[in-house]
């Protein structure tokens, strides 16, 4: 900011005319331009009543409304006991029915949701629907499968010649298999423990008194 005087800037703005009919805000209020540091003719400091202000302001507002309403559309009209959808969250709509159209609120209606709540909603949060809205819904729980289904592999039939050519495998004795299982269970793991981020977990060195 240039740290200029705010009141001086407002004074210059109030002396700036809007158009030839309306003049400046000071001309409409005081019927003349107020003095300012800017050079001005003395004839402009003489009082002069500005006429036709109301008509000109109305015309300017109609021009603004004409361009502002070019892409607007007429809002939908909702009847009593009509099926609608009301907006609950972003991209989330739920069913409801129109109960009442309150007087003095042309863009709002009273609705009753599927859960029995009675709410007042604006037309922007409603849209019509042809779907059958049921009051009592049966909620089916989502079933999450923790294990993948296993498929059994059926061995393909082999010819007798192929079966005779295969060597017979000698099955290991139960005592040897039990000995191998015990050795694997009793053998301590030498790999250090690590967290899921890859850092090594060091045991706490406690003081034993």
C-alpha atoms as a PDB file:
ATOM      1  CA  UNK A   1       0.000   0.000   0.000  1.00  0.00           C
ATOM      2  CA  UNK A   2       1.119   3.541  -0.706  1.00  0.00           C
ATOM      3  CA  UNK A   3      -0.178   4.716   2.735  1.00  0.00           C
ATOM      4  CA  UNK A   4      -2.323   7.445   1.168  1.00  0.00           C
ATOM      5  CA  UNK A   5      -5.213   9.146   2.933  1.00  0.00           C
ATOM      6  CA  UNK A   6      -8.285   6.912   2.815  1.00  0.00           C
ATOM      7  CA  UNK A   7     -10.724   9.760   3.385  1.00  0.00           C
ATOM      8  CA  UNK A   8      -9.187  11.715   0.503  1.00  0.00           C
ATOM      9  CA  UNK A   9      -9.625   8.716  -1.781  1.00  0.00           C
ATOM     10  CA  UNK A  10     -13.271   8.414  -0.730  1.00  0.00           C
ATOM     11  CA  UNK A  11     -13.778  12.132  -1.366  1.00  0.00           C
ATOM     12  CA  UNK A  12     -12.470  11.806  -4.917  1.00  0.00           C
ATOM     13  CA  UNK A  13     -14.632   8.741  -5.500  1.00  0.00           C
ATOM     14  CA  UNK A  14     -17.785  10.559  -4.308  1.00  0.00           C
ATOM     15  CA  UNK A  15     -17.023  13.404  -6.732  1.00  0.00           C
ATOM     16  CA  UNK A  16     -16.697  11.040  -9.719  1.00  0.00           C
ATOM     17  CA  UNK A  17     -19.903  11.037 -11.836  1.00  0.00           C
ATOM     18  CA  UNK A  18     -21.466   7.696 -12.761  1.00  0.00           C
ATOM     19  CA  UNK A  19     -23.060   8.972 -15.979  1.00  0.00           C
ATOM     20  CA  UNK A  20     -24.548  12.174 -17.369  1.00  0.00           C
ATOM     21  CA  UNK A  21     -27.963  11.607 -15.747  1.00  0.00           C
ATOM     22  CA  UNK A  22     -27.036  10.362 -12.275  1.00  0.00           C
ATOM     23  CA  UNK A  23     -23.954  12.471 -11.744  1.00  0.00           C
ATOM     24  CA  UNK A  24     -21.737  11.770  -8.733  1.00  0.00           C
ATOM     25  CA  UNK A  25     -22.874  10.606  -5.263  1.00  0.00           C
ATOM     26  CA  UNK A  26     -22.130  14.070  -3.848  1.00  0.00           C
ATOM     27  CA  UNK A  27     -24.227  15.708  -6.559  1.00  0.00           C
ATOM     28  CA  UNK A  28     -27.177  13.449  -5.705  1.00  0.00           C
ATOM     29  CA  UNK A  29     -26.748  14.152  -1.974  1.00  0.00           C
ATOM     30  CA  UNK A  30     -25.614  17.795  -1.814  1.00  0.00           C
ATOM     31  CA  UNK A  31     -26.709  18.903  -5.321  1.00  0.00           C
ATOM     32  CA  UNK A  32     -23.119  19.922  -6.092  1.00  0.00           C
ATOM     33  CA  UNK A  33     -19.541  18.647  -6.138  1.00  0.00           C
ATOM     34  CA  UNK A  34     -17.563  19.164  -2.934  1.00  0.00           C
ATOM     35  CA  UNK A  35     -14.168  20.820  -2.831  1.00  0.00           C
ATOM     36  CA  UNK A  36     -11.082  18.632  -3.170  1.00  0.00           C
ATOM     37  CA  UNK A  37      -7.337  19.091  -3.869  1.00  0.00           C
ATOM     38  CA  UNK A  38      -8.065  18.479  -7.558  1.00  0.00           C
ATOM     39  CA  UNK A  39      -8.495  21.660  -9.661  1.00  0.00           C
ATOM     40  CA  UNK A  40     -12.155  22.327 -10.483  1.00  0.00           C
ATOM     41  CA  UNK A  41     -14.166  25.086 -12.173  1.00  0.00           C
ATOM     42  CA  UNK A  42     -16.112  27.346  -9.821  1.00  0.00           C
ATOM     43  CA  UNK A  43     -19.251  26.862 -11.903  1.00  0.00           C
ATOM     44  CA  UNK A  44     -19.299  23.174 -10.901  1.00  0.00           C
ATOM     45  CA  UNK A  45     -19.423  24.162  -7.234  1.00  0.00           C
ATOM     46  CA  UNK A  46     -22.787  25.879  -7.664  1.00  0.00           C
ATOM     47  CA  UNK A  47     -25.826  23.860  -6.493  1.00  0.00           C
ATOM     48  CA  UNK A  48     -27.826  22.058  -9.178  1.00  0.00           C
ATOM     49  CA  UNK A  49     -30.612  19.572  -8.427  1.00  0.00           C
ATOM     50  CA  UNK A  50     -30.252  16.196 -10.150  1.00  0.00           C
ATOM     51  CA  UNK A  51     -33.596  14.898 -11.465  1.00  0.00           C
ATOM     52  CA  UNK A  52     -34.635  11.491 -12.777  1.00  0.00           C
ATOM     53  CA  UNK A  53     -32.420   9.555 -10.344  1.00  0.00           C
ATOM     54  CA  UNK A  54     -35.058   6.944  -9.435  1.00  0.00           C
ATOM     55  CA  UNK A  55     -35.956   6.235 -13.058  1.00  0.00           C
ATOM     56  CA  UNK A  56     -32.325   5.913 -14.138  1.00  0.00           C
ATOM     57  CA  UNK A  57     -31.430   3.609 -11.242  1.00  0.00           C
ATOM     58  CA  UNK A  58     -34.414   1.390 -12.066  1.00  0.00           C
ATOM     59  CA  UNK A  59     -33.340   1.224 -15.716  1.00  0.00           C
ATOM     60  CA  UNK A  60     -29.793   0.235 -14.782  1.00  0.00           C
ATOM     61  CA  UNK A  61     -31.079  -2.500 -12.465  1.00  0.00           C
ATOM     62  CA  UNK A  62     -33.317  -3.874 -15.204  1.00  0.00           C
ATOM     63  CA  UNK A  63     -30.340  -4.032 -17.574  1.00  0.00           C
ATOM     64  CA  UNK A  64     -28.310  -5.907 -14.961  1.00  0.00           C
ATOM     65  CA  UNK A  65     -31.204  -8.312 -14.347  1.00  0.00           C
ATOM     66  CA  UNK A  66     -31.565  -8.927 -18.092  1.00  0.00           C
ATOM     67  CA  UNK A  67     -27.969 -10.098 -18.477  1.00  0.00           C
ATOM     68  CA  UNK A  68     -27.953 -11.894 -15.132  1.00  0.00           C
ATOM     69  CA  UNK A  69     -31.074 -13.964 -15.879  1.00  0.00           C
ATOM     70  CA  UNK A  70     -30.130 -15.050 -19.398  1.00  0.00           C
ATOM     71  CA  UNK A  71     -29.058 -18.572 -18.369  1.00  0.00           C
ATOM     72  CA  UNK A  72     -31.477 -19.080 -15.490  1.00  0.00           C
ATOM     73  CA  UNK A  73     -34.362 -21.538 -15.592  1.00  0.00           C
ATOM     74  CA  UNK A  74     -37.683 -21.677 -13.835  1.00  0.00           C
ATOM     75  CA  UNK A  75     -37.490 -23.747 -10.630  1.00  0.00           C
ATOM     76  CA  UNK A  76     -39.389 -27.026 -10.458  1.00  0.00           C
ATOM     77  CA  UNK A  77     -42.748 -27.011  -8.706  1.00  0.00           C
ATOM     78  CA  UNK A  78     -43.260 -29.799  -6.166  1.00  0.00           C
ATOM     79  CA  UNK A  79     -46.725 -31.083  -5.323  1.00  0.00           C
ATOM     80  CA  UNK A  80     -47.970 -32.520  -2.051  1.00  0.00           C
ATOM     81  CA  UNK A  81     -47.103 -36.217  -1.496  1.00  0.00           C
ATOM     82  CA  UNK A  82     -44.704 -36.190  -4.456  1.00  0.00           C
ATOM     83  CA  UNK A  83     -41.643 -38.447  -4.445  1.00  0.00           C
ATOM     84  CA  UNK A  84     -38.374 -36.513  -4.421  1.00  0.00           C
ATOM     85  CA  UNK A  85     -34.706 -36.949  -3.631  1.00  0.00           C
ATOM     86  CA  UNK A  86     -33.012 -34.620  -1.157  1.00  0.00           C
ATOM     87  CA  UNK A  87     -29.289 -33.985  -0.956  1.00  0.00           C
ATOM     88  CA  UNK A  88     -27.585 -35.347   2.173  1.00  0.00           C
ATOM     89  CA  UNK A  89     -23.902 -34.958   1.269  1.00  0.00           C
ATOM     90  CA  UNK A  90     -21.706 -34.594  -1.788  1.00  0.00           C
ATOM     91  CA  UNK A  91     -23.132 -36.918  -4.457  1.00  0.00           C
ATOM     92  CA  UNK A  92     -25.362 -38.570  -1.855  1.00  0.00           C
ATOM     93  CA  UNK A  93     -29.136 -38.361  -2.251  1.00  0.00           C
ATOM     94  CA  UNK A  94     -31.896 -40.038  -0.246  1.00  0.00           C
ATOM     95  CA  UNK A  95     -35.592 -40.502  -0.856  1.00  0.00           C
ATOM     96  CA  UNK A  96     -38.324 -38.368   0.682  1.00  0.00           C
ATOM     97  CA  UNK A  97     -41.890 -37.176   0.175  1.00  0.00           C
ATOM     98  CA  UNK A  98     -43.287 -33.648   0.068  1.00  0.00           C
ATOM     99  CA  UNK A  99     -45.584 -32.910   3.005  1.00  0.00           C
ATOM    100  CA  UNK A 100     -46.264 -29.180   2.803  1.00  0.00           C
ATOM    101  CA  UNK A 101     -45.535 -26.028   0.826  1.00  0.00           C
ATOM    102  CA  UNK A 102     -45.172 -23.261   3.435  1.00  0.00           C
ATOM    103  CA  UNK A 103     -46.547 -19.822   2.673  1.00  0.00           C
ATOM    104  CA  UNK A 104     -44.045 -17.011   2.350  1.00  0.00           C
ATOM    105  CA  UNK A 105     -41.293 -19.437   1.294  1.00  0.00           C
ATOM    106  CA  UNK A 106     -41.691 -19.839  -2.481  1.00  0.00           C
ATOM    107  CA  UNK A 107     -38.467 -21.834  -2.926  1.00  0.00           C
ATOM    108  CA  UNK A 108     -38.800 -24.250   0.025  1.00  0.00           C
ATOM    109  CA  UNK A 109     -40.951 -27.257   0.932  1.00  0.00           C
ATOM    110  CA  UNK A 110     -41.439 -29.452   3.989  1.00  0.00           C
ATOM    111  CA  UNK A 111     -40.370 -33.064   3.345  1.00  0.00           C
ATOM    112  CA  UNK A 112     -40.362 -36.346   5.259  1.00  0.00           C
ATOM    113  CA  UNK A 113     -37.332 -38.572   4.751  1.00  0.00           C
ATOM    114  CA  UNK A 114     -37.229 -42.359   4.637  1.00  0.00           C
ATOM    115  CA  UNK A 115     -36.041 -42.344   8.249  1.00  0.00           C
ATOM    116  CA  UNK A 116     -39.100 -40.352   9.343  1.00  0.00           C
ATOM    117  CA  UNK A 117     -37.390 -36.979   9.779  1.00  0.00           C
ATOM    118  CA  UNK A 118     -39.369 -33.860   8.864  1.00  0.00           C
ATOM    119  CA  UNK A 119     -37.137 -31.201   7.294  1.00  0.00           C
ATOM    120  CA  UNK A 120     -37.429 -28.006   5.275  1.00  0.00           C
ATOM    121  CA  UNK A 121     -35.348 -28.042   2.117  1.00  0.00           C
ATOM    122  CA  UNK A 122     -34.638 -25.526  -0.628  1.00  0.00           C
ATOM    123  CA  UNK A 123     -35.440 -26.378  -4.241  1.00  0.00           C
ATOM    124  CA  UNK A 124     -31.726 -26.441  -5.037  1.00  0.00           C
ATOM    125  CA  UNK A 125     -31.349 -29.490  -2.738  1.00  0.00           C
ATOM    126  CA  UNK A 126     -34.280 -31.399  -4.254  1.00  0.00           C
ATOM    127  CA  UNK A 127     -35.053 -33.085  -7.534  1.00  0.00           C
ATOM    128  CA  UNK A 128     -37.916 -35.206  -8.750  1.00  0.00           C
ATOM    129  CA  UNK A 129     -37.696 -38.970  -9.088  1.00  0.00           C
ATOM    130  CA  UNK A 130     -39.831 -41.785 -10.479  1.00  0.00           C
ATOM    131  CA  UNK A 131     -38.242 -44.497  -8.338  1.00  0.00           C
ATOM    132  CA  UNK A 132     -40.396 -46.386  -5.850  1.00  0.00           C
ATOM    133  CA  UNK A 133     -39.359 -45.180  -2.398  1.00  0.00           C
ATOM    134  CA  UNK A 134     -39.909 -47.810   0.279  1.00  0.00           C
ATOM    135  CA  UNK A 135     -40.155 -46.806   3.903  1.00  0.00           C
ATOM    136  CA  UNK A 136     -38.834 -50.035   5.467  1.00  0.00           C
ATOM    137  CA  UNK A 137     -35.633 -51.062   3.811  1.00  0.00           C
ATOM    138  CA  UNK A 138     -33.882 -54.352   4.531  1.00  0.00           C
ATOM    139  CA  UNK A 139     -30.221 -53.628   4.900  1.00  0.00           C
ATOM    140  CA  UNK A 140     -28.058 -56.514   3.720  1.00  0.00           C
ATOM    141  CA  UNK A 141     -24.735 -56.548   5.591  1.00  0.00           C
ATOM    142  CA  UNK A 142     -21.605 -56.565   3.537  1.00  0.00           C
ATOM    143  CA  UNK A 143     -19.886 -59.957   3.804  1.00  0.00           C
ATOM    144  CA  UNK A 144     -16.124 -59.743   3.734  1.00  0.00           C
ATOM    145  CA  UNK A 145     -14.279 -62.945   2.888  1.00  0.00           C
ATOM    146  CA  UNK A 146     -11.021 -63.265   4.792  1.00  0.00           C
ATOM    147  CA  UNK A 147      -9.827 -66.413   3.046  1.00  0.00           C
ATOM    148  CA  UNK A 148      -9.575 -67.050  -0.642  1.00  0.00           C
ATOM    149  CA  UNK A 149     -11.511 -70.082  -1.894  1.00  0.00           C
ATOM    150  CA  UNK A 150      -9.322 -73.107  -2.500  1.00  0.00           C
ATOM    151  CA  UNK A 151      -9.690 -75.182  -5.621  1.00  0.00           C
ATOM    152  CA  UNK A 152      -8.994 -78.878  -5.628  1.00  0.00           C
ATOM    153  CA  UNK A 153      -6.743 -80.062  -8.403  1.00  0.00           C
ATOM    154  CA  UNK A 154      -7.897 -83.272 -10.008  1.00  0.00           C
ATOM    155  CA  UNK A 155      -4.947 -85.400 -11.161  1.00  0.00           C
ATOM    156  CA  UNK A 156      -4.968 -86.162 -14.832  1.00  0.00           C
ATOM    157  CA  UNK A 157      -5.207 -89.847 -15.748  1.00  0.00           C
ATOM    158  CA  UNK A 158      -1.952 -91.416 -16.825  1.00  0.00           C
ATOM    159  CA  UNK A 159      -1.292 -94.416 -18.964  1.00  0.00           C
ATOM    160  CA  UNK A 160      -0.159 -97.700 -17.339  1.00  0.00           C
ATOM    161  CA  UNK A 161       3.205 -97.461 -19.141  1.00  0.00           C
ATOM    162  CA  UNK A 162       3.891 -94.049 -17.599  1.00  0.00           C
ATOM    163  CA  UNK A 163       2.981 -95.330 -14.147  1.00  0.00           C
ATOM    164  CA  UNK A 164       5.402 -98.259 -14.484  1.00  0.00           C
ATOM    165  CA  UNK A 165       8.238 -95.984 -15.684  1.00  0.00           C
ATOM    166  CA  UNK A 166       7.948 -93.645 -12.639  1.00  0.00           C
ATOM    167  CA  UNK A 167      10.353 -94.546  -9.814  1.00  0.00           C
ATOM    168  CA  UNK A 168       8.788 -95.544  -6.539  1.00  0.00           C
ATOM    169  CA  UNK A 169       9.554 -92.996  -3.848  1.00  0.00           C
ATOM    170  CA  UNK A 170      10.442 -94.308  -0.442  1.00  0.00           C
ATOM    171  CA  UNK A 171       8.421 -92.689   2.306  1.00  0.00           C
ATOM    172  CA  UNK A 172      10.388 -91.362   5.228  1.00  0.00           C
ATOM    173  CA  UNK A 173       9.804 -92.899   8.596  1.00  0.00           C
ATOM    174  CA  UNK A 174       7.709 -91.000  11.172  1.00  0.00           C
ATOM    175  CA  UNK A 175      10.598 -90.866  13.619  1.00  0.00           C
ATOM    176  CA  UNK A 176      12.891 -89.033  11.182  1.00  0.00           C
ATOM    177  CA  UNK A 177      10.186 -86.490  10.272  1.00  0.00           C
ATOM    178  CA  UNK A 178       9.462 -85.790  13.941  1.00  0.00           C
ATOM    179  CA  UNK A 179      13.177 -85.282  14.602  1.00  0.00           C
ATOM    180  CA  UNK A 180      13.450 -82.741  11.773  1.00  0.00           C
ATOM    181  CA  UNK A 181      10.380 -80.864  13.046  1.00  0.00           C
ATOM    182  CA  UNK A 182      11.772 -80.650  16.585  1.00  0.00           C
ATOM    183  CA  UNK A 183      15.124 -79.364  15.311  1.00  0.00           C
ATOM    184  CA  UNK A 184      13.479 -76.594  13.321  1.00  0.00           C
ATOM    185  CA  UNK A 185      11.327 -75.554  16.292  1.00  0.00           C
ATOM    186  CA  UNK A 186      14.164 -75.512  18.814  1.00  0.00           C
ATOM    187  CA  UNK A 187      16.593 -73.634  16.554  1.00  0.00           C
ATOM    188  CA  UNK A 188      16.563 -69.929  17.597  1.00  0.00           C
ATOM    189  CA  UNK A 189      16.235 -67.264  14.905  1.00  0.00           C
ATOM    190  CA  UNK A 190      19.332 -65.099  14.566  1.00  0.00           C
ATOM    191  CA  UNK A 191      17.704 -62.396  12.383  1.00  0.00           C
ATOM    192  CA  UNK A 192      17.016 -59.172  14.353  1.00  0.00           C
ATOM    193  CA  UNK A 193      13.443 -57.985  14.758  1.00  0.00           C
ATOM    194  CA  UNK A 194      12.489 -54.981  12.665  1.00  0.00           C
ATOM    195  CA  UNK A 195       9.478 -52.711  12.532  1.00  0.00           C
ATOM    196  CA  UNK A 196       7.231 -52.338   9.511  1.00  0.00           C
ATOM    197  CA  UNK A 197       9.227 -49.246   8.529  1.00  0.00           C
ATOM    198  CA  UNK A 198      12.488 -51.249   8.478  1.00  0.00           C
ATOM    199  CA  UNK A 199      14.024 -50.012  11.754  1.00  0.00           C
ATOM    200  CA  UNK A 200      15.677 -52.619  13.993  1.00  0.00           C
ATOM    201  CA  UNK A 201      13.882 -53.160  17.318  1.00  0.00           C
ATOM    202  CA  UNK A 202      16.406 -53.196  20.161  1.00  0.00           C
ATOM    203  CA  UNK A 203      15.440 -54.901  23.441  1.00  0.00           C
ATOM    204  CA  UNK A 204      15.127 -52.723  26.529  1.00  0.00           C
ATOM    205  CA  UNK A 205      18.138 -52.969  28.836  1.00  0.00           C
ATOM    206  CA  UNK A 206      16.450 -53.016  32.251  1.00  0.00           C
ATOM    207  CA  UNK A 207      18.288 -52.555  35.533  1.00  0.00           C
ATOM    208  CA  UNK A 208      17.934 -55.756  37.583  1.00  0.00           C
ATOM    209  CA  UNK A 209      18.580 -55.106  41.284  1.00  0.00           C
END
